[in-house]
Protein backbone atom coordinates (compact mmCIF):
# COMPACT_ATOMS: atom_id res chain seq x y z
CA MET A 1 -53.54 -1.24 238.48
CA ARG A 2 -50.45 1.16 239.16
CA LEU A 3 -47.98 -1.14 241.56
CA ARG A 4 -44.53 0.30 242.98
CA LEU A 5 -42.37 -2.66 241.48
CA LYS A 6 -39.64 -3.65 244.34
CA LEU A 7 -35.80 -4.81 243.73
CA ASN A 8 -36.32 -8.53 244.15
CA ARG A 9 -33.73 -11.03 245.43
CA VAL A 10 -31.45 -12.42 242.61
CA GLY A 11 -29.17 -14.30 244.54
CA MET A 12 -29.16 -15.96 247.69
CA ASN A 13 -26.63 -13.47 249.66
CA MET A 14 -27.88 -10.14 247.48
CA SER A 15 -28.87 -7.40 249.80
CA GLU A 16 -28.71 -4.73 247.42
CA ALA A 17 -27.38 -3.68 243.91
CA THR A 18 -27.25 -1.20 241.27
CA ILE A 19 -29.74 -0.14 238.85
CA VAL A 20 -27.34 0.16 235.55
CA GLU A 21 -29.48 0.97 233.06
CA TRP A 22 -33.25 1.37 232.35
CA LEU A 23 -34.12 -0.06 229.07
CA LYS A 24 -37.71 1.36 229.33
CA GLN A 25 -38.33 4.95 230.22
CA PRO A 26 -41.65 6.71 231.62
CA GLY A 27 -44.24 5.87 228.98
CA ASP A 28 -43.24 2.82 227.42
CA ILE A 29 -45.91 0.27 227.27
CA PHE A 30 -43.62 -3.62 227.94
CA ALA A 31 -44.80 -6.83 227.32
CA ASP A 32 -44.33 -9.60 229.89
CA GLY A 33 -41.12 -11.29 229.66
CA ASP A 34 -39.48 -7.72 228.33
CA ALA A 35 -36.66 -6.51 230.07
CA LEU A 36 -37.17 -3.43 232.24
CA TYR A 37 -33.88 -2.67 233.82
CA ALA A 38 -30.50 -4.24 234.26
CA ILE A 39 -28.69 -4.47 237.82
CA GLU A 40 -25.07 -5.15 239.45
CA THR A 41 -24.46 -6.88 242.26
CA GLU A 42 -21.14 -7.72 243.60
CA LYS A 43 -21.10 -11.09 241.42
CA VAL A 44 -23.41 -10.39 238.13
CA THR A 45 -24.59 -8.41 236.08
CA GLN A 46 -28.24 -9.10 234.46
CA ASP A 47 -31.44 -7.73 232.81
CA VAL A 48 -34.72 -8.21 235.12
CA THR A 49 -38.01 -9.09 233.04
CA ALA A 50 -41.43 -8.12 233.38
CA THR A 51 -43.42 -10.97 234.87
CA ALA A 52 -47.04 -8.91 233.33
CA SER A 53 -47.50 -6.49 230.62
CA GLY A 54 -48.18 -2.96 231.30
CA THR A 55 -46.99 0.86 230.84
CA LEU A 56 -43.72 2.01 233.04
CA ILE A 57 -45.25 5.16 234.70
CA GLU A 58 -42.12 6.50 236.63
CA ILE A 59 -39.08 5.34 238.25
CA LEU A 60 -38.01 6.00 241.19
CA VAL A 61 -34.14 4.85 241.45
CA PRO A 62 -32.56 6.40 238.51
CA ALA A 63 -29.71 4.43 236.59
CA GLY A 64 -26.38 4.51 238.70
CA ASN A 65 -28.06 4.53 242.25
CA ASP A 66 -28.06 1.82 244.42
CA ALA A 67 -31.68 0.08 246.11
CA LYS A 68 -31.68 -2.19 248.77
CA VAL A 69 -33.66 -5.89 248.24
CA GLY A 70 -37.38 -4.84 248.67
CA ASP A 71 -36.99 -0.79 247.74
CA PRO A 72 -39.61 0.60 245.84
CA ILE A 73 -37.65 0.88 242.25
CA CYS A 74 -39.86 1.86 239.81
CA ILE A 75 -44.69 2.80 239.42
CA VAL A 76 -45.85 0.30 236.88
CA ASP A 77 -49.27 0.06 235.64
CA VAL A 78 -50.27 -3.16 235.01
CA GLU A 79 -52.89 -4.83 232.98
CA ALA A 80 -55.74 -7.03 234.50
CA GLN A 81 -54.93 -10.63 234.67
CA ALA A 82 -57.52 -13.07 232.89
CA GLN A 83 -59.18 -15.41 235.57
């Protein structure tokens, strides 16, 4: 299933962040817990990890650009979760 991943809030006062680096590129397969990208806010630089396994399809916000909380930053194809 293809999903647009949005920039999530990682701190109470965070309203936007800079995408510092994409650690996966389009076509790369990732596992739950793998680091996908790094962000920088006013207070911290940190890696953001996947919460499911899948494939990175498209980067919507290139490294060096800012995104607001809730903005779509990439498209992924995630594996169906077993219930």
